[in-house]
Amino acid sequence: METSVSQAVCEERHKALDNYLSNDKTKLLKHDAEIKDVQEAIVVLTEIQRRHNAEIDDHEDRLRGIEAKPGKRWESIVGQIIQLIIAAAIGGMIGKLF
């Protein structure tokens, strides 16, 4: 049991499908452009993130240096105090000997 469709109905259906597919193609092209824009934005953001990470590493190094200065000063002061105590002890021994 075959049903035949008239040429006019067939052409109308093809025209509707072509219109539908044309709209889809237009939407796909629009999405392609949007995806390309997003990809370019990702590349830019990745470069910005790399620069920020480098700056953060530099800041961390500088902060460690700043934080280490008081410790180094304290070690220097303690070293000088120990030297003075040893020098005083040696001076006191030498003073008792002579």
Protein backbone atom coordinates (compact mmCIF):
# COMPACT_ATOMS: atom_id res chain seq x y z
CA MET A 1 0.00 0.00 0.00
CA GLU A 2 1.85 2.99 -1.25
CA THR A 3 0.71 6.51 -0.71
CA SER A 4 1.94 9.05 -3.12
CA VAL A 5 2.46 12.68 -2.37
CA SER A 6 1.91 15.36 -4.92
CA GLN A 7 4.85 17.28 -6.31
CA ALA A 8 3.63 20.51 -4.69
CA VAL A 9 3.41 18.93 -1.22
CA CYS A 10 6.84 17.38 -1.64
CA GLU A 11 8.37 20.71 -2.72
CA GLU A 12 6.67 22.48 0.21
CA ARG A 13 8.08 19.95 2.67
CA HIS A 14 11.57 20.27 1.15
CA LYS A 15 11.32 24.05 1.36
CA ALA A 16 10.34 23.82 5.06
CA LEU A 17 13.22 21.43 5.77
CA ASP A 18 15.69 23.65 3.89
CA ASN A 19 14.48 26.64 5.91
CA TYR A 20 14.79 24.67 9.16
CA LEU A 21 18.30 23.45 8.27
CA SER A 22 19.31 26.95 7.18
CA ASN A 23 18.31 28.29 10.61
CA ASP A 24 20.33 25.53 12.28
CA LYS A 25 23.34 26.32 10.10
CA THR A 26 23.09 30.00 11.01
CA LYS A 27 22.90 29.12 14.70
CA LEU A 28 25.90 26.80 14.38
CA LEU A 29 27.97 29.49 12.68
CA LYS A 30 27.02 31.92 15.45
CA HIS A 31 28.02 29.37 18.10
CA ASP A 32 31.31 28.74 16.28
CA ALA A 33 32.11 32.45 16.48
CA GLU A 34 31.18 32.53 20.16
CA ILE A 35 33.33 29.47 20.88
CA LYS A 36 36.25 31.11 19.09
CA ASP A 37 35.80 34.23 21.25
CA VAL A 38 35.74 32.10 24.40
CA GLN A 39 38.90 30.27 23.31
CA GLU A 40 40.69 33.56 22.73
CA ALA A 41 39.55 34.80 26.14
CA ILE A 42 40.88 31.60 27.75
CA VAL A 43 44.28 32.16 26.12
CA VAL A 44 44.37 35.74 27.44
CA LEU A 45 43.27 34.69 30.92
CA THR A 46 45.86 31.91 31.00
CA GLU A 47 48.61 34.41 30.19
CA ILE A 48 47.34 36.80 32.86
CA GLN A 49 47.31 33.94 35.37
CA ARG A 50 50.90 33.03 34.49
CA ARG A 51 52.01 36.62 35.05
CA HIS A 52 50.16 36.80 38.36
CA ASN A 53 51.71 33.53 39.50
CA ALA A 54 55.18 34.88 38.67
CA GLU A 55 54.42 38.08 40.60
CA ILE A 56 53.14 36.06 43.57
CA ASP A 57 56.32 33.97 43.58
CA ASP A 58 58.40 37.16 43.53
CA HIS A 59 56.35 38.63 46.40
CA GLU A 60 56.75 35.44 48.42
CA ASP A 61 60.53 35.55 47.96
CA ARG A 62 60.66 39.19 49.00
CA LEU A 63 58.45 38.57 52.04
CA ARG A 64 60.62 35.65 53.15
CA GLY A 65 63.64 37.96 52.95
CA ILE A 66 61.89 40.64 54.97
CA GLU A 67 60.71 38.12 57.55
CA ALA A 68 64.20 36.63 57.87
CA LYS A 69 65.88 39.97 58.68
CA PRO A 70 64.76 40.17 62.34
CA GLY A 71 65.91 36.59 62.91
CA LYS A 72 69.31 37.37 61.43
CA ARG A 73 69.58 40.50 63.58
CA TRP A 74 68.66 38.53 66.69
CA GLU A 75 71.28 35.90 65.88
CA SER A 76 73.84 38.67 65.39
CA ILE A 77 72.96 40.31 68.74
CA VAL A 78 73.10 36.98 70.59
CA GLY A 79 76.46 36.22 68.95
CA GLN A 80 77.85 39.57 70.02
CA ILE A 81 76.58 39.12 73.60
CA ILE A 82 78.23 35.69 73.78
CA GLN A 83 81.48 37.17 72.46
CA LEU A 84 81.32 39.93 75.07
CA ILE A 85 80.68 37.42 77.89
CA ILE A 86 83.59 35.26 76.72
CA ALA A 87 85.83 38.31 76.39
CA ALA A 88 84.84 39.50 79.89
CA ALA A 89 85.47 36.02 81.33
CA ILE A 90 88.87 35.83 79.65
CA GLY A 91 89.64 39.39 80.75
CA GLY A 92 88.64 38.52 84.34
CA MET A 93 90.88 35.41 84.32
CA ILE A 94 93.78 37.34 82.93
CA GLY A 95 93.19 40.09 85.57
CA LYS A 96 93.31 37.51 88.39
CA LEU A 97 96.51 35.97 87.03
CA PHE A 98 98.46 39.21 86.97
